[in-house]
Amino acid sequence: MQEDDIQQLQQENAALREENATLHALVAELRARVQQLEDRLSKTSQNSHLPPSSDRFARQPKTKSLRQKSGKQPGGQVDHPGTTLSQTTTPDQIIVHEVHMCATCQQDLREEASLRVERRQVWDVPPKRLVVIEHQAEQKYCPHCQQITTATFPDGIVAPVQYGPALCTIGVYLVQAQFLPYERACETMQDVLGPAMTVGTLKAAVARCAKELHPVQSQIKQALESSPVLHVDKTGLYVMGKRFWLHTTVTPTLTYYAVHPKRGGEALVCIGLLTSYAGGAVHDGWGAYWQFLCEHALCNVHHLRELLFVQQQEGQAWASNLSALLLSMKEAVILTRKSGDPEHGD
């Protein structure tokens, strides 16, 4: 073989080695990308921070619940107060069932005195019937000054016919507490109570209620701003068919809701609770929360979900061990608080 041929083969070999190295790097990059896509498809609300609304329609593999066995028997517990009905001494209606004839010999017993009465009470709601309260304002003529004086109606009595505060309160409750759409709330009130309230009337009642509660809302917000620890979160909802976000700020005793069209920092700045907050904010690690200068703590429920993903998708045993450790720490805190230890209870 001539020297030129040998040199050509060496050059071809070097080119092939370089191409092989490039292909190896490309394969490694594609494998990493495929793994990322598979991980993304494998994430659900059970093993990540994703909300339930993001779960795909395809059937997901059954995952083990993050809840641990409490050791309690099913049903009501021994120390549970219960809600059993008790007879009242002032029933609204009494129906006496008389004995007219002896069940054995058919003797007439209508004139005989009763030996005793067995009482049974039924708690029920009356048939739908509104209480219509008519307010009449008198007008009187004064013989001294020849003027006519008209009595003053109570506050809020402004129309010839109107809905009362109790009825409006029920409508506001159905919409705001039970999350019924306005039309369904009006339909429910008509079916159960009788009157046909329009959506516009119910919206006006909600607006009046919100105005009355504005001072309370301000007090809740001030109390949250001074709380040492807060939990913040958000969830999606639709307002008139458009995507909005419900931002929540809570403690064990207080809850503040704020609806905003944005999910991130713009909404949080507009709400204003975290802008000057100096305590600890517990959250799911959403990037918008980190812009605020308060202390930060990540929610352990989300830690458990992420660890479950690592355990299921990556097969890492340490993730299961760390989950067990977090749960045992939680149980230890609960037991310490129940014991009333003032030094370690918090």
Protein backbone atom coordinates (compact mmCIF):
# COMPACT_ATOMS: atom_id res chain seq x y z
CA MET A 1 0.00 0.00 0.00
CA GLN A 2 1.39 3.36 -0.96
CA GLU A 3 2.01 6.14 1.54
CA ASP A 4 -0.71 8.32 -0.01
CA ASP A 5 -3.32 5.60 0.53
CA ILE A 6 -2.29 5.17 4.16
CA GLN A 7 -2.55 8.92 4.78
CA GLN A 8 -6.02 9.03 3.16
CA LEU A 9 -7.23 6.16 5.36
CA GLN A 10 -5.94 7.91 8.45
CA GLN A 11 -7.80 11.08 7.51
CA GLU A 12 -11.02 9.14 6.86
CA ASN A 13 -10.61 7.35 10.18
CA ALA A 14 -10.15 10.65 12.05
CA ALA A 15 -13.26 12.07 10.32
CA LEU A 16 -15.27 9.00 11.25
CA ARG A 17 -14.11 9.22 14.87
CA GLU A 18 -15.14 12.87 15.01
CA GLU A 19 -18.52 12.09 13.45
CA ASN A 20 -18.99 9.19 15.88
CA ALA A 21 -18.29 11.48 18.85
CA THR A 22 -20.79 14.01 17.53
CA LEU A 23 -23.43 11.31 17.12
CA HIS A 24 -22.79 10.01 20.65
CA ALA A 25 -23.32 13.54 22.03
CA LEU A 26 -26.50 13.93 19.95
CA VAL A 27 -27.87 10.59 21.19
CA ALA A 28 -27.17 11.59 24.79
CA GLU A 29 -28.94 14.91 24.24
CA LEU A 30 -31.95 13.21 22.65
CA ARG A 31 -32.14 10.66 25.45
CA ALA A 32 -32.18 13.45 28.00
CA ARG A 33 -34.89 15.23 26.03
CA VAL A 34 -37.00 12.07 25.77
CA GLN A 35 -36.61 11.54 29.51
CA GLN A 36 -37.80 15.09 30.16
CA LEU A 37 -40.86 14.56 27.97
CA GLU A 38 -41.66 11.23 29.61
CA ASP A 39 -41.31 12.81 33.04
CA ARG A 40 -43.63 15.63 32.01
CA LEU A 41 -46.25 13.19 30.74
CA SER A 42 -45.97 11.13 33.92
CA LYS A 43 -46.64 14.08 36.22
CA THR A 44 -50.16 14.37 37.60
CA SER A 45 -51.81 16.13 40.52
CA GLN A 46 -50.95 13.05 42.61
CA ASN A 47 -47.18 13.18 42.22
CA SER A 48 -46.38 16.84 41.48
CA HIS A 49 -47.45 20.41 42.13
CA LEU A 50 -49.80 20.33 39.13
CA PRO A 51 -53.48 21.04 39.91
CA PRO A 52 -56.14 18.34 39.29
CA SER A 53 -57.43 20.33 36.30
CA SER A 54 -54.18 19.60 34.46
CA ASP A 55 -54.62 15.82 34.61
CA ARG A 56 -55.01 14.27 31.17
CA PHE A 57 -58.15 12.51 30.10
CA ALA A 58 -56.26 9.25 29.63
CA ARG A 59 -56.60 6.81 32.49
CA GLN A 60 -53.77 7.36 34.95
CA PRO A 61 -52.11 4.52 36.87
CA LYS A 62 -53.55 4.17 40.32
CA THR A 63 -51.29 5.85 42.84
CA LYS A 64 -51.02 5.27 46.52
CA SER A 65 -52.60 7.99 48.63
CA LEU A 66 -50.26 10.24 50.57
CA ARG A 67 -52.53 9.90 53.58
CA GLN A 68 -51.30 7.54 56.25
CA LYS A 69 -53.43 5.21 58.35
CA SER A 70 -54.56 6.91 61.55
CA GLY A 71 -55.18 3.69 63.47
CA LYS A 72 -58.77 4.73 64.19
CA GLN A 73 -61.78 2.55 63.53
CA PRO A 74 -64.20 3.60 60.75
CA GLY A 75 -67.22 5.66 61.74
CA GLY A 76 -67.79 8.03 64.65
CA GLN A 77 -64.99 8.26 67.20
CA VAL A 78 -65.38 7.90 70.97
CA ASP A 79 -64.64 11.56 71.74
CA HIS A 80 -66.74 12.92 68.88
CA PRO A 81 -69.63 15.07 70.21
CA GLY A 82 -72.10 13.81 67.60
CA THR A 83 -75.21 15.55 66.28
CA THR A 84 -78.07 13.34 67.50
CA LEU A 85 -81.42 15.13 67.68
CA SER A 86 -82.90 15.75 71.12
CA GLN A 87 -86.54 16.34 71.92
CA THR A 88 -87.53 19.92 72.65
CA THR A 89 -89.92 21.05 75.36
CA THR A 90 -91.42 23.72 73.11
CA PRO A 91 -92.58 22.07 69.88
CA ASP A 92 -94.18 24.33 67.28
CA GLN A 93 -97.10 21.98 66.73
CA ILE A 94 -98.62 19.17 68.81
CA ILE A 95 -100.79 16.49 67.23
CA VAL A 96 -102.60 14.24 69.73
CA HIS A 97 -103.44 10.74 68.54
CA GLU A 98 -106.42 9.65 70.68
CA VAL A 99 -107.54 6.14 71.61
CA HIS A 100 -111.21 5.71 70.70
CA MET A 101 -111.68 1.95 71.06
CA CYS A 102 -110.12 -0.97 72.93
CA ALA A 103 -107.90 -2.93 70.56
CA THR A 104 -108.92 -6.20 72.30
CA CYS A 105 -112.69 -6.07 72.92
CA GLN A 106 -113.65 -2.95 70.95
CA GLN A 107 -115.05 -1.18 74.06
CA ASP A 108 -115.63 2.58 73.62
CA LEU A 109 -112.79 4.40 75.45
CA ARG A 110 -113.41 7.98 74.39
CA GLU A 111 -114.59 9.02 77.86
CA GLU A 112 -111.73 7.29 79.70
CA ALA A 113 -108.80 9.29 81.05
CA SER A 114 -105.39 8.83 79.45
CA LEU A 115 -102.86 6.89 81.53
CA ARG A 116 -99.77 8.33 79.90
CA VAL A 117 -98.57 9.87 76.61
CA GLU A 118 -95.66 8.63 74.55
CA ARG A 119 -93.93 11.54 72.80
CA ARG A 120 -92.22 11.35 69.42
CA GLN A 121 -91.00 14.42 67.57
CA VAL A 122 -90.34 15.00 63.89
CA TRP A 123 -88.00 17.80 62.82
CA ASP A 124 -88.98 19.08 59.41
CA VAL A 125 -89.31 22.26 57.38
CA PRO A 126 -92.73 23.77 56.72
CA PRO A 127 -94.18 23.85 53.22
CA LYS A 128 -92.74 26.70 51.21
CA ARG A 129 -94.54 29.77 52.46
CA LEU A 130 -93.17 33.28 52.69
CA VAL A 131 -93.94 35.57 55.59
CA VAL A 132 -95.20 38.81 54.08
CA ILE A 133 -94.67 41.71 56.48
CA GLU A 134 -96.60 44.85 55.65
CA HIS A 135 -95.32 48.17 56.97
CA GLN A 136 -97.94 50.90 57.31
CA ALA A 137 -96.84 54.47 57.90
CA GLU A 138 -99.56 56.61 59.45
CA GLN A 139 -100.31 60.17 58.45
CA LYS A 140 -101.85 62.51 61.01
CA TYR A 141 -103.18 66.02 60.84
CA CYS A 142 -102.08 68.47 63.51
CA PRO A 143 -104.98 70.73 64.60
CA HIS A 144 -102.49 73.16 66.16
CA CYS A 145 -100.28 73.97 63.14
CA GLN A 146 -102.45 72.45 60.39
CA GLN A 147 -99.56 70.26 59.10
CA ILE A 148 -99.60 66.57 58.20
CA THR A 149 -96.94 64.33 59.72
CA THR A 150 -96.06 60.94 58.18
CA ALA A 151 -94.40 58.17 60.18
CA THR A 152 -90.95 57.06 59.09
CA PHE A 153 -90.42 53.61 57.61
CA PRO A 154 -87.57 51.50 59.04
CA ASP A 155 -84.19 51.64 57.33
CA GLY A 156 -84.11 49.55 54.16
CA ILE A 157 -87.86 49.68 53.51
CA VAL A 158 -87.72 51.71 50.32
CA ALA A 159 -90.06 50.08 47.77
CA PRO A 160 -93.75 49.18 47.67
CA VAL A 161 -92.74 45.50 47.41
CA GLN A 162 -89.26 44.13 48.04
CA TYR A 163 -87.35 41.08 49.27
CA GLY A 164 -86.45 40.95 52.94
CA PRO A 165 -82.89 40.66 54.33
CA ALA A 166 -83.27 37.01 55.38
CA LEU A 167 -84.34 35.93 51.89
CA CYS A 168 -81.50 37.89 50.29
CA THR A 169 -79.07 36.35 52.77
CA ILE A 170 -80.07 32.86 51.62
CA GLY A 171 -79.39 33.83 48.01
CA VAL A 172 -75.98 35.28 48.86
CA TYR A 173 -75.16 32.12 50.84
CA LEU A 174 -76.03 29.84 47.93
CA VAL A 175 -73.81 31.80 45.55
CA GLN A 176 -70.87 32.66 47.78
CA ALA A 177 -70.70 29.72 50.21
CA GLN A 178 -72.14 26.86 48.14
CA PHE A 179 -70.74 28.17 44.82
CA LEU A 180 -73.97 27.80 42.88
CA PRO A 181 -74.25 29.80 39.65
CA TYR A 182 -76.64 32.73 39.94
CA GLU A 183 -79.32 31.14 37.76
CA ARG A 184 -79.23 27.87 39.71
CA ALA A 185 -79.34 29.74 43.02
CA CYS A 186 -82.44 31.61 41.88
CA GLU A 187 -84.01 28.36 40.70
CA THR A 188 -83.24 26.68 44.03
CA MET A 189 -84.83 29.51 45.99
CA GLN A 190 -87.94 29.36 43.83
CA ASP A 191 -88.26 25.58 44.23
CA VAL A 192 -87.65 25.53 47.99
CA LEU A 193 -88.99 28.85 49.25
CA GLY A 194 -91.44 30.03 46.60
CA PRO A 195 -90.45 33.47 45.27
CA ALA A 196 -88.93 33.95 41.83
CA MET A 197 -85.86 36.16 42.40
CA THR A 198 -84.10 37.37 39.27
CA VAL A 199 -80.37 37.12 38.66
CA GLY A 200 -80.08 40.89 38.66
CA THR A 201 -81.73 41.16 42.08
CA LEU A 202 -79.45 38.49 43.49
CA LYS A 203 -76.36 40.22 42.10
CA ALA A 204 -77.47 43.44 43.75
CA ALA A 205 -77.87 41.59 47.05
CA VAL A 206 -74.34 40.20 46.74
CA ALA A 207 -73.00 43.70 46.03
CA ARG A 208 -74.77 45.09 49.13
CA CYS A 209 -73.37 42.28 51.24
CA ALA A 210 -69.85 42.90 49.94
CA LYS A 211 -70.16 46.60 50.79
CA GLU A 212 -71.30 45.79 54.32
CA LEU A 213 -68.42 43.35 54.81
CA HIS A 214 -65.71 45.68 53.49
CA PRO A 215 -64.62 46.74 57.02
CA VAL A 216 -64.41 43.08 58.05
CA GLN A 217 -62.33 42.31 54.96
CA SER A 218 -59.93 45.10 55.89
CA GLN A 219 -59.60 43.74 59.42
CA ILE A 220 -58.85 40.24 58.10
CA LYS A 221 -56.19 41.65 55.78
CA GLN A 222 -54.54 43.61 58.60
CA ALA A 223 -54.56 40.56 60.86
CA LEU A 224 -52.94 38.43 58.15
CA GLU A 225 -50.22 41.03 57.58
CA SER A 226 -49.26 40.79 61.25
CA SER A 227 -49.40 36.99 61.40
CA PRO A 228 -46.02 35.22 61.86
CA VAL A 229 -46.86 32.53 59.27
CA LEU A 230 -49.09 32.55 56.20
CA HIS A 231 -50.02 29.97 53.60
CA VAL A 232 -50.53 31.32 50.09
CA ASP A 233 -51.90 29.50 47.08
CA LYS A 234 -53.88 30.04 43.89
CA THR A 235 -56.33 28.15 41.72
CA GLY A 236 -57.98 28.81 38.41
CA LEU A 237 -61.61 29.73 37.87
CA TYR A 238 -63.77 31.22 35.15
CA VAL A 239 -65.55 34.58 35.34
CA MET A 240 -68.03 35.17 32.51
CA GLY A 241 -66.23 32.53 30.45
CA LYS A 242 -62.77 34.08 30.93
CA ARG A 243 -59.88 32.52 32.81
CA PHE A 244 -59.20 34.19 36.18
CA TRP A 245 -57.24 33.20 39.28
CA LEU A 246 -58.39 32.93 42.87
CA HIS A 247 -55.53 33.84 45.20
CA THR A 248 -55.84 32.73 48.82
CA THR A 249 -53.94 33.80 51.93
CA VAL A 250 -54.78 31.81 55.04
CA THR A 251 -53.95 30.99 58.65
CA PRO A 252 -55.72 28.41 60.83
CA THR A 253 -58.37 31.03 61.70
CA LEU A 254 -58.37 33.56 58.83
CA THR A 255 -58.89 33.37 55.06
CA TYR A 256 -58.54 36.14 52.48
CA TYR A 257 -59.75 35.62 48.91
CA ALA A 258 -58.80 37.79 45.95
CA VAL A 259 -59.80 37.20 42.31
CA HIS A 260 -57.49 38.58 39.63
CA PRO A 261 -57.09 37.97 35.87
CA LYS A 262 -53.36 37.33 36.39
CA ARG A 263 -51.66 34.40 38.10
CA GLY A 264 -48.20 35.79 38.84
CA GLY A 265 -46.44 38.74 40.37
CA GLU A 266 -48.71 41.43 38.96
CA ALA A 267 -51.69 39.94 40.78
CA LEU A 268 -49.79 39.48 44.06
CA VAL A 269 -48.57 43.08 44.01
CA CYS A 270 -52.11 44.27 43.31
CA ILE A 271 -53.48 42.24 46.25
CA GLY A 272 -50.76 43.74 48.42
CA LEU A 273 -50.58 41.21 51.25
CA LEU A 274 -47.01 40.09 50.54
CA THR A 275 -45.50 43.41 49.45
CA SER A 276 -44.54 44.47 52.99
CA TYR A 277 -45.01 41.16 54.81
CA ALA A 278 -42.09 40.23 57.10
CA GLY A 279 -43.20 36.83 58.40
CA GLY A 280 -42.95 33.38 56.84
CA ALA A 281 -44.91 32.52 53.69
CA VAL A 282 -45.57 28.84 53.01
CA HIS A 283 -46.21 28.10 49.34
CA ASP A 284 -45.73 25.59 46.51
CA GLY A 285 -42.57 27.16 45.08
CA TRP A 286 -44.35 29.14 42.34
CA GLY A 287 -41.79 31.59 40.98
CA ALA A 288 -43.89 34.71 41.57
CA TYR A 289 -43.75 34.23 45.34
CA TRP A 290 -39.95 34.49 45.52
CA GLN A 291 -39.90 38.16 44.51
CA PHE A 292 -41.08 39.20 47.96
CA LEU A 293 -38.59 39.75 50.79
CA CYS A 294 -40.43 37.76 53.45
CA GLU A 295 -39.21 34.42 54.72
CA HIS A 296 -40.14 31.46 52.53
CA ALA A 297 -41.06 27.85 53.30
CA LEU A 298 -42.11 25.18 50.82
CA CYS A 299 -45.25 23.17 51.44
CA ASN A 300 -44.47 19.62 52.56
CA VAL A 301 -47.51 18.26 50.72
CA HIS A 302 -45.85 19.31 47.47
CA HIS A 303 -42.57 17.79 48.69
CA LEU A 304 -44.37 14.48 49.18
CA ARG A 305 -45.84 14.65 45.68
CA GLU A 306 -42.46 15.38 44.10
CA LEU A 307 -40.86 12.56 46.08
CA LEU A 308 -43.62 10.21 44.95
CA PHE A 309 -42.80 11.12 41.35
CA VAL A 310 -39.09 10.43 41.86
CA GLN A 311 -39.92 7.11 43.49
CA GLN A 312 -42.34 6.01 40.75
CA GLN A 313 -40.62 7.40 37.66
CA GLU A 314 -36.96 7.15 38.62
CA GLY A 315 -37.14 4.16 40.96
CA GLN A 316 -35.12 5.97 43.64
CA ALA A 317 -35.48 4.30 47.05
CA TRP A 318 -34.24 7.35 48.95
CA ALA A 319 -37.37 9.27 47.91
CA SER A 320 -39.57 6.80 49.76
CA ASN A 321 -37.33 6.99 52.84
CA LEU A 322 -37.43 10.78 52.84
CA SER A 323 -41.23 10.74 52.51
CA ALA A 324 -41.46 8.44 55.53
CA LEU A 325 -39.17 10.77 57.47
CA LEU A 326 -41.31 13.84 56.67
CA LEU A 327 -44.49 12.03 57.70
CA SER A 328 -42.93 10.81 60.96
CA MET A 329 -41.81 14.39 61.72
CA LYS A 330 -45.35 15.59 61.10
CA GLU A 331 -46.76 12.94 63.44
CA ALA A 332 -44.22 13.88 66.12
CA VAL A 333 -45.29 17.53 65.92
CA ILE A 334 -48.97 16.55 66.27
CA LEU A 335 -48.26 14.37 69.32
CA THR A 336 -46.15 17.10 70.92
CA ARG A 337 -48.91 19.66 70.46
CA LYS A 338 -51.47 17.28 71.94
CA SER A 339 -49.23 16.73 74.97
CA GLY A 340 -49.33 20.47 75.70
CA ASP A 341 -45.55 20.88 75.81
CA PRO A 342 -45.16 24.70 75.90
CA GLU A 343 -41.51 24.54 74.84
CA HIS A 344 -41.83 22.34 71.76
CA GLY A 345 -45.53 22.66 70.90
CA ASP A 346 -44.94 25.10 68.06
